[in-house]
Every structure is written in structure tokens, then in C-alpha cells.
């Protein structure tokens, strides 16, 4: 919160500084009120504020990618337009990354001086002087912003200094984005790793029940388990295809059918169009396991589990249904709201729900329809285009 406030204040400060410096230096004339490209009619302060904010908005996305040659190259021309000087350059601590306008050979010398002092520096020169300000991320010097012009006035120094603070704020937000993404990736992998040992335990328990009574059957199940484990434990990316996920479910069901025999009935209905859709790795199998647990675990007779995957335009809609004993809706709410990593919590529904929300947003969490005595239906929506968050 404090970082965001600092960035906002810095943005407002440099806008005001730019407005103050704009008219005395005569860099731009206000547009005519009839100009469709300009803001609504107003005085020169409205025009200058609009121009500064518009140009800053154009530069911000590149800076939010961090400080590198590509982001500096994309941002520097907007910063040049914002400052209106003869030339503008962005450097790292070791090299000139990008510039717009003729850049003098002294830029690295100027940058080293500013970095050594940690303060804005003014350099006289012929025919152009320079104002060079350090760029900081979390208190660490990462580079400089340099502006070259014929007249190095107090207004120019103030303006370049405030623009440099704003650039530093954008770079700091980029660092926070990177740190948040790394933490999210680590959490995602921890959640996924939590599932695999659970699968292994259940599968081996099922196989063990056949070792003495039917060794040949146990051997077949071990081979099936090997196929299942090869998929579940592979060093995979965070996404797979729905087709591969369904293959994993099929291997899992071979083990569960060995456990329940003819009492377990299972059907799959999948639209061919959604088979190649990318889905989070191991997102479907835990839902099938939950359906079997609540569909078969506490009742006699036959249990039915059904998976349906439909094409819904930009999304794939997947449902996993069982006709078992159902669950208390309040209990389901507590499970989904609680931390799936907490000891004693089930890791099926909650784990998948957390991962879906983290990848696609809160609107893509699981929807669970259930009442005691009337089965359970779990619905999930998957965009056909994988997001780049992870």
C-alpha cells in the first residue's frame, strides 16, 4: 500500500512540475478547442496535465517490464516527448540502454557520477548541457535517466528529477510484480506436489489388497500404476491438454475399478473440440477422486460417476457428477474457503479451487452443487487460451 501511494504521489508531483515548467520554456502550444485529438476545452493547465498523463500512460507498460534494453528502448521515446528536451537517454549501472535524439559520448561518464553520488547531477556542456538523475528500486541504484538540452534551467532540473522518481516507481512496481509472480509459482508447485503423494498412497493400498489373493491382477495393476505415476510425477509444465488429463483419469479409474469392481460405473462425454484445450496439470483427477469418495465411500450398491466436457465458445465447461450421498453445503463452503495445505483438510476440491482462482481469477473457482442424499456436481470453466500468468 505504501509503495502504491508513493508511486501515485510521485506521478502527481512530476505532472505538476511538468505543468509549471511547460509554459515558461515554451515547449508546446495548447491545441485549439476544436482539435478532436485534444481534451475538452479548458485553460493551458488542463491541456498540459492531459498531455503529461497521456504520455506517462504510454511509457508505463514498458517500464513495468523492468529495466532492460527492450523496455528502455520502448519507453525512452515517450519520456523524450514528455520532457521535450534535445535528447533523452536511459542507462543501467554499466551501459547506455537506449536513447532518443542524438546522445553524447559523455552519457556514461555523467551516469557514473550520478550513481556515485546517488543524487541528481547537472553538467554544463557545449552545445548541450545535461541533467542526470539516479533510478532506484527498493533503495538500490539500478540506472539513470539523462536529459540533454541547450538551456539547463531550474525548471528542467525539477522536471527531470520528478520524471526520474516516477520511472523509479514504475520499475519498483515491476520488481514487486516479479516477486509476486515467483511466490505464486512456488505456491502453485507446492500445491501440485501435495497431490501426487496422496495418489500414490491410495493406489498402492488398492494394489496391496490383491497381492495375496490375485498376484496376476496385482501385477497388471502395478503396470497401470506405473503409467499413472509416469504422468502424475513427471517434471511437467503447469499446463497439459484436456486429452492428457482424461488419459490420467482413465489410468486412475483402472485402479479404482479394481477396488470397487462392478459397483463403480463411470462414463465420459467429451466434445472433440475441447480435447486440445490447455488445462492446469492434475486439475481433473482430484475431482473424479472426490466423486468416487462421496459416491461410493459410504453407501452400498452401485455408484455412478459422470464426466462431461462441453464446448462453450471461448471456454471449455467441465462437470464431474456423482449420484452418491452428497455433502452438506456449509461443509463444502468451509472446505473451499479454508487453506488446502492445512493439516486435516481434504486436498481435492480445495486444491483445485485455489489453483483455478490463482491462474484465471476468482471468477473461475469451482462451483459445487450438492445436498445431503442427492449427489454432487462440480463445475469448472477453463478458457481455451491459456493465460500467461504462470
Foldseek 3Di string as FASTA:
>chain_A
DVLVVLLVVLLVQLLVLLLVLPVVVVLDDADDCVPPVADHDDDVSRRSSVLLVVLCVQLLVLLLQADALVSQARNAVSVCVSLSAQKKWKFFLQGTRHMDHDDDPCPNVLWPVQQVVQAWDWADDPQKTKIKHFADAPRHTTIIMMGIHNDDDPSSNSNRHSVSSSSNSSNNNSVVLVVVLVVLVVVLVVLLVVVLVVLVVVLVVLLVVCVPVPVVVSVVLVVLVVVLCCQSVPPDDQKDFQLVLVVSLVSSVVSVCSVVPQQEAEEEAEDPVRRRFIDGRPLVNLVQVVQCCQQPVPDDGHKYWYWYWDDDDQKIKIKIWIFGQWDDVVVVVVLLPDDLPDPPHPSRQNSSQVVQCVFPNNVFGWDWDTDGGGIIMIMGMGGSDGDPSD
